[in-house]
Amino acid sequence: MIRAKKGEVSAQSQAMPSQMSEGWIGVVGDFFNDRNASPKEAQKRLYDILMQR
């Protein structure tokens, strides 16, 4: 899909299934809203979401 649009995706929901997108948004939101959130843990959680395919 990205190749068909010359590398352009206007929303992450176009690039991944909705459940995966919701998980991604949740992890990013948790990271920015929690001062104690570790970048390493957020990275692991994002990786885990992407590997669920």
N, C-alpha and C. Protein backbone atom coordinates (compact mmCIF):
# COMPACT_ATOMS: atom_id res chain seq x y z
N MET A 1 0.83 -1.19 0.00
CA MET A 1 0.00 0.00 0.00
C MET A 1 0.87 1.26 0.00
N ILE A 2 1.94 1.23 0.81
CA ILE A 2 2.81 2.40 0.87
C ILE A 2 3.46 2.65 -0.49
N ARG A 3 3.88 1.59 -1.16
CA ARG A 3 4.48 1.75 -2.50
C ARG A 3 3.47 2.33 -3.48
N ALA A 4 2.23 1.92 -3.38
CA ALA A 4 1.21 2.41 -4.30
C ALA A 4 0.97 3.90 -4.14
N LYS A 5 1.19 4.41 -2.95
CA LYS A 5 0.97 5.84 -2.68
C LYS A 5 2.28 6.61 -2.65
N LYS A 6 3.30 6.07 -3.28
CA LYS A 6 4.61 6.72 -3.35
C LYS A 6 5.19 7.00 -1.97
N GLY A 7 5.04 6.03 -1.07
CA GLY A 7 5.62 6.15 0.26
C GLY A 7 4.85 7.01 1.23
N GLU A 8 3.65 7.42 0.87
CA GLU A 8 2.87 8.31 1.74
C GLU A 8 1.75 7.55 2.44
N VAL A 9 1.67 7.74 3.73
CA VAL A 9 0.57 7.21 4.53
C VAL A 9 0.08 8.36 5.38
N SER A 10 -1.18 8.72 5.24
CA SER A 10 -1.69 9.89 5.96
C SER A 10 -2.05 9.59 7.41
N ALA A 11 -2.20 8.32 7.77
CA ALA A 11 -2.52 7.96 9.15
C ALA A 11 -1.98 6.57 9.43
N GLN A 12 -1.54 6.35 10.67
CA GLN A 12 -0.99 5.04 11.01
C GLN A 12 -2.03 3.95 10.81
N SER A 13 -3.30 4.31 10.91
CA SER A 13 -4.36 3.30 10.75
C SER A 13 -4.41 2.74 9.32
N GLN A 14 -3.81 3.45 8.37
CA GLN A 14 -3.74 2.92 7.02
C GLN A 14 -2.60 1.92 6.88
N ALA A 15 -1.64 1.98 7.77
CA ALA A 15 -0.46 1.14 7.65
C ALA A 15 -0.53 -0.12 8.52
N MET A 16 -1.51 -0.21 9.43
CA MET A 16 -1.59 -1.37 10.30
C MET A 16 -3.05 -1.62 10.68
N PRO A 17 -3.36 -2.86 11.06
CA PRO A 17 -4.73 -3.17 11.49
C PRO A 17 -5.15 -2.32 12.69
N SER A 18 -6.45 -2.09 12.85
CA SER A 18 -6.94 -1.19 13.89
C SER A 18 -6.54 -1.61 15.29
N GLN A 19 -6.56 -2.91 15.60
CA GLN A 19 -6.17 -3.36 16.93
C GLN A 19 -4.70 -3.04 17.20
N MET A 20 -3.86 -3.22 16.20
CA MET A 20 -2.44 -2.91 16.34
C MET A 20 -2.25 -1.41 16.51
N SER A 21 -2.99 -0.63 15.74
CA SER A 21 -2.91 0.83 15.82
C SER A 21 -3.32 1.32 17.21
N GLU A 22 -4.38 0.75 17.76
CA GLU A 22 -4.84 1.13 19.10
C GLU A 22 -3.79 0.80 20.15
N GLY A 23 -3.16 -0.36 20.02
CA GLY A 23 -2.09 -0.74 20.94
C GLY A 23 -0.91 0.22 20.86
N TRP A 24 -0.55 0.58 19.63
CA TRP A 24 0.57 1.50 19.39
C TRP A 24 0.28 2.86 20.06
N ILE A 25 -0.92 3.37 19.82
CA ILE A 25 -1.31 4.66 20.40
C ILE A 25 -1.30 4.59 21.93
N GLY A 26 -1.76 3.47 22.49
CA GLY A 26 -1.76 3.29 23.93
C GLY A 26 -0.35 3.32 24.52
N VAL A 27 0.58 2.63 23.88
CA VAL A 27 1.96 2.60 24.38
C VAL A 27 2.59 3.99 24.30
N VAL A 28 2.41 4.67 23.19
CA VAL A 28 2.98 6.01 23.03
C VAL A 28 2.35 6.97 24.04
N GLY A 29 1.05 6.89 24.23
CA GLY A 29 0.37 7.74 25.21
C GLY A 29 0.87 7.47 26.61
N ASP A 30 1.01 6.19 26.97
CA ASP A 30 1.53 5.83 28.29
C ASP A 30 2.92 6.40 28.49
N PHE A 31 3.75 6.29 27.47
CA PHE A 31 5.13 6.77 27.56
C PHE A 31 5.18 8.28 27.83
N PHE A 32 4.40 9.04 27.10
CA PHE A 32 4.44 10.49 27.26
C PHE A 32 3.70 11.00 28.50
N ASN A 33 2.79 10.20 29.04
CA ASN A 33 2.03 10.64 30.21
C ASN A 33 2.58 10.13 31.54
N ASP A 34 3.55 9.25 31.50
CA ASP A 34 4.13 8.68 32.72
C ASP A 34 5.61 9.06 32.81
N ARG A 35 5.93 9.93 33.75
CA ARG A 35 7.33 10.40 33.88
C ARG A 35 8.29 9.27 34.22
N ASN A 36 7.77 8.19 34.77
CA ASN A 36 8.63 7.06 35.15
C ASN A 36 8.75 6.01 34.05
N ALA A 37 8.07 6.21 32.94
CA ALA A 37 8.12 5.24 31.84
C ALA A 37 9.51 5.22 31.23
N SER A 38 10.03 4.04 31.04
CA SER A 38 11.37 3.92 30.46
C SER A 38 11.28 3.78 28.94
N PRO A 39 12.16 4.46 28.22
CA PRO A 39 12.18 4.32 26.76
C PRO A 39 12.40 2.87 26.34
N LYS A 40 13.22 2.15 27.09
CA LYS A 40 13.51 0.75 26.76
C LYS A 40 12.24 -0.10 26.85
N GLU A 41 11.44 0.14 27.90
CA GLU A 41 10.20 -0.63 28.08
C GLU A 41 9.19 -0.26 26.99
N ALA A 42 9.07 1.02 26.65
CA ALA A 42 8.16 1.44 25.58
C ALA A 42 8.59 0.79 24.27
N GLN A 43 9.88 0.77 24.01
CA GLN A 43 10.40 0.15 22.78
C GLN A 43 10.04 -1.33 22.74
N LYS A 44 10.20 -2.02 23.87
CA LYS A 44 9.86 -3.45 23.92
C LYS A 44 8.37 -3.66 23.67
N ARG A 45 7.54 -2.82 24.28
CA ARG A 45 6.09 -2.96 24.09
C ARG A 45 5.70 -2.72 22.63
N LEU A 46 6.30 -1.70 22.00
CA LEU A 46 6.00 -1.44 20.59
C LEU A 46 6.44 -2.61 19.71
N TYR A 47 7.60 -3.15 20.01
CA TYR A 47 8.09 -4.32 19.26
C TYR A 47 7.11 -5.48 19.42
N ASP A 48 6.67 -5.74 20.64
CA ASP A 48 5.73 -6.83 20.89
C ASP A 48 4.43 -6.65 20.10
N ILE A 49 3.96 -5.41 20.02
CA ILE A 49 2.74 -5.14 19.24
C ILE A 49 2.97 -5.45 17.76
N LEU A 50 4.09 -5.00 17.23
CA LEU A 50 4.38 -5.24 15.82
C LEU A 50 4.58 -6.72 15.50
N MET A 51 5.05 -7.49 16.43
CA MET A 51 5.30 -8.92 16.19
C MET A 51 4.04 -9.76 16.29
N GLN A 52 2.92 -9.17 16.67
CA GLN A 52 1.66 -9.90 16.80
C GLN A 52 1.04 -10.25 15.46
N ARG A 53 1.55 -9.71 14.39
CA ARG A 53 0.95 -9.96 13.07
C ARG A 53 0.74 -11.39 12.78
